[in-house]
Amino acid sequence: MCGSVQFRSLLLFIIGLTIAGCSIDDSGLKVGMSAPSLRTKTLNDVNGDFSRITTYRYPDKRMYQISLDQALTLDKPIILEFATPGHCTVCDNQLQMLKAMLAKYEQDVIFLHMDQYQNPEAFKAFGVIGDPWTYVIDRKNIVRFKQPGRMLYNELDLIIAGILRSESG
């Protein structure tokens, strides 16, 4: 009977995480590791057809201009968002928040969105299971922060501001 109660508790915990829009952190890429460099789709690759790069209803072209491998050479921090809004309401909300962030930091930070349906190789390279996931990569290509699930504007704002301060000093 005890094992059954423990199993049900674990099952409810996992279901709760899934409903919250996140996953247990079993990804292979950890904070402090180098971000993998790989070619990801850009708007140019799909002739400007957003439906071939994202399932997001209101995409912002600034998140799809350059490939991850290119971004890693530009000496700027990167916000890398793994989100598939075609099947994830939390992902849709996360991307709305990132668009507001982009307006504030677009001169200093590169924002990239990876959709599972359109860039599955990026999900595989980062070991991402489920979405959304937010990765913050510094200008030396080191993962400085990662979090599953939705983030609040103020949370991400503090992280970005801290990275920009630490890299300017």
Protein backbone atom coordinates (compact mmCIF):
# COMPACT_ATOMS: atom_id res chain seq x y z
CA MET A 1 0.00 0.00 0.00
CA CYS A 2 2.83 2.43 0.83
CA GLY A 3 4.41 1.93 -2.61
CA SER A 4 1.06 2.69 -4.22
CA VAL A 5 0.73 5.97 -2.30
CA GLN A 6 4.29 6.97 -3.24
CA PHE A 7 3.65 6.13 -6.89
CA ARG A 8 0.45 8.20 -6.91
CA SER A 9 2.25 11.12 -5.29
CA LEU A 10 5.02 10.98 -7.89
CA LEU A 11 2.48 10.69 -10.69
CA LEU A 12 0.56 13.72 -9.41
CA PHE A 13 3.81 15.68 -9.14
CA ILE A 14 4.72 14.89 -12.76
CA ILE A 15 1.20 15.71 -13.96
CA GLY A 16 1.41 19.01 -12.08
CA LEU A 17 4.67 19.87 -13.82
CA THR A 18 3.19 19.00 -17.19
CA ILE A 19 0.10 21.14 -16.58
CA ALA A 20 2.34 24.00 -15.46
CA GLY A 21 4.07 23.78 -18.84
CA CYS A 22 7.44 22.53 -17.74
CA SER A 23 9.42 19.36 -17.50
CA ILE A 24 11.76 17.75 -15.02
CA ASP A 25 15.31 18.96 -15.70
CA ASP A 26 16.85 15.91 -17.27
CA SER A 27 18.52 17.84 -20.06
CA GLY A 28 22.17 17.11 -20.72
CA LEU A 29 23.24 20.75 -20.98
CA LYS A 30 23.94 22.29 -17.59
CA VAL A 31 24.64 25.83 -16.41
CA GLY A 32 28.38 26.48 -16.81
CA MET A 33 28.70 24.37 -19.97
CA SER A 34 29.39 25.73 -23.45
CA ALA A 35 26.34 26.11 -25.66
CA PRO A 36 26.43 23.80 -28.67
CA SER A 37 26.90 25.57 -31.98
CA LEU A 38 24.52 24.41 -34.65
CA ARG A 39 22.85 25.76 -37.73
CA THR A 40 19.20 26.55 -37.08
CA LYS A 41 16.57 27.80 -39.51
CA THR A 42 16.28 31.49 -40.24
CA LEU A 43 13.61 33.44 -42.10
CA ASN A 44 15.89 33.54 -45.14
CA ASP A 45 16.03 29.74 -45.14
CA VAL A 46 12.24 29.55 -45.44
CA ASN A 47 11.81 32.49 -47.86
CA GLY A 48 10.20 34.61 -45.15
CA ASP A 49 7.42 32.07 -44.52
CA PHE A 50 6.85 32.20 -40.75
CA SER A 51 4.72 29.03 -40.85
CA ARG A 52 7.86 27.09 -41.81
CA ILE A 53 9.86 28.36 -38.83
CA THR A 54 7.35 28.72 -35.96
CA THR A 55 3.87 27.76 -34.80
CA TYR A 56 3.62 31.12 -33.00
CA ARG A 57 0.62 33.20 -34.13
CA TYR A 58 2.34 36.58 -33.72
CA PRO A 59 6.02 36.01 -34.55
CA ASP A 60 8.55 38.80 -34.36
CA LYS A 61 11.01 38.60 -37.24
CA ARG A 62 13.86 39.71 -34.97
CA MET A 63 13.80 36.28 -33.28
CA TYR A 64 14.39 34.46 -36.58
CA GLN A 65 16.99 36.58 -38.41
CA ILE A 66 20.11 34.60 -37.56
CA SER A 67 21.04 31.01 -36.84
CA LEU A 68 22.27 29.92 -33.42
CA ASP A 69 25.76 29.22 -34.80
CA GLN A 70 25.91 32.79 -36.15
CA ALA A 71 24.59 34.26 -32.89
CA LEU A 72 27.36 32.53 -30.93
CA THR A 73 29.97 34.47 -32.93
CA LEU A 74 28.50 37.95 -32.34
CA ASP A 75 29.94 38.62 -28.87
CA LYS A 76 26.52 39.31 -27.31
CA PRO A 77 24.47 37.48 -24.72
CA ILE A 78 21.72 35.28 -26.16
CA ILE A 79 18.26 34.52 -24.85
CA LEU A 80 17.36 31.18 -26.41
CA GLU A 81 13.72 30.22 -26.00
CA PHE A 82 12.52 26.69 -26.68
CA ALA A 83 8.77 27.00 -27.13
CA THR A 84 6.17 25.33 -29.32
CA PRO A 85 3.07 27.50 -29.07
CA GLY A 86 1.24 25.30 -31.57
CA HIS A 87 0.58 22.89 -28.71
CA CYS A 88 1.47 24.93 -25.63
CA THR A 89 -0.48 27.92 -24.26
CA VAL A 90 2.27 28.64 -21.73
CA CYS A 91 4.73 28.89 -24.66
CA ASP A 92 2.51 31.46 -26.34
CA ASN A 93 2.52 33.59 -23.18
CA GLN A 94 6.29 33.18 -22.83
CA LEU A 95 6.88 34.45 -26.36
CA GLN A 96 4.62 37.46 -25.75
CA MET A 97 6.78 38.36 -22.75
CA LEU A 98 9.98 37.89 -24.78
CA LYS A 99 8.72 40.32 -27.41
CA ALA A 100 8.45 42.97 -24.69
CA MET A 101 11.98 42.05 -23.50
CA LEU A 102 13.27 42.29 -27.03
CA ALA A 103 12.01 45.87 -27.30
CA LYS A 104 14.09 46.79 -24.24
CA TYR A 105 17.30 44.85 -24.98
CA GLU A 106 17.50 44.37 -28.75
CA GLN A 107 20.69 46.44 -29.06
CA ASP A 108 22.56 44.42 -26.41
CA VAL A 109 21.09 40.91 -26.49
CA ILE A 110 20.20 38.42 -29.23
CA PHE A 111 16.79 36.77 -28.85
CA LEU A 112 16.20 33.46 -30.63
CA HIS A 113 13.10 31.27 -30.63
CA MET A 114 13.28 27.55 -31.40
CA ASP A 115 10.06 25.74 -32.24
CA GLN A 116 10.13 21.98 -31.73
CA TYR A 117 8.35 21.31 -35.01
CA GLN A 118 10.68 23.52 -37.06
CA ASN A 119 14.06 23.19 -35.28
CA PRO A 120 13.99 19.75 -33.64
CA GLU A 121 17.78 19.45 -33.91
CA ALA A 122 18.15 22.37 -31.49
CA PHE A 123 15.90 20.64 -28.94
CA LYS A 124 18.04 17.53 -29.34
CA ALA A 125 21.38 19.38 -29.06
CA PHE A 126 20.30 21.09 -25.82
CA GLY A 127 18.62 17.96 -24.46
CA VAL A 128 15.31 19.80 -24.10
CA ILE A 129 12.26 17.68 -23.36
CA GLY A 130 9.00 19.60 -23.07
CA ASP A 131 8.66 23.33 -23.30
CA PRO A 132 9.02 26.18 -22.72
CA TRP A 133 12.65 26.34 -21.66
CA THR A 134 14.65 29.56 -21.38
CA TYR A 135 18.43 29.55 -21.75
CA VAL A 136 20.65 32.58 -21.16
CA ILE A 137 24.03 32.28 -22.86
CA ASP A 138 26.77 34.81 -22.17
CA ARG A 139 29.04 36.41 -24.78
CA LYS A 140 31.62 33.65 -24.19
CA ASN A 141 28.98 31.06 -25.18
CA ILE A 142 28.58 29.70 -21.65
CA VAL A 143 25.10 28.79 -20.41
CA ARG A 144 24.63 31.11 -17.45
CA PHE A 145 20.98 30.34 -16.67
CA LYS A 146 18.26 27.92 -17.70
CA GLN A 147 14.73 27.41 -16.52
CA PRO A 148 11.82 25.23 -17.54
CA GLY A 149 8.35 26.72 -17.65
CA ARG A 150 7.12 30.25 -17.91
CA MET A 151 9.18 33.14 -16.61
CA LEU A 152 7.93 36.52 -15.47
CA TYR A 153 9.17 39.68 -17.15
CA ASN A 154 10.83 40.95 -13.97
CA GLU A 155 12.62 37.63 -13.40
CA LEU A 156 14.22 37.59 -16.83
CA ASP A 157 14.87 41.33 -16.72
CA LEU A 158 16.98 40.91 -13.56
CA ILE A 159 18.95 38.05 -15.11
CA ILE A 160 19.67 39.94 -18.33
CA ALA A 161 20.62 43.14 -16.48
CA GLY A 162 22.96 41.15 -14.22
CA ILE A 163 24.70 39.47 -17.15
CA LEU A 164 25.11 42.76 -19.00
CA ARG A 165 26.58 44.35 -15.85
CA SER A 166 28.98 41.48 -15.22
CA GLU A 167 30.17 41.47 -18.82
CA SER A 168 30.69 45.24 -19.02
CA GLY A 169 32.87 45.45 -15.92
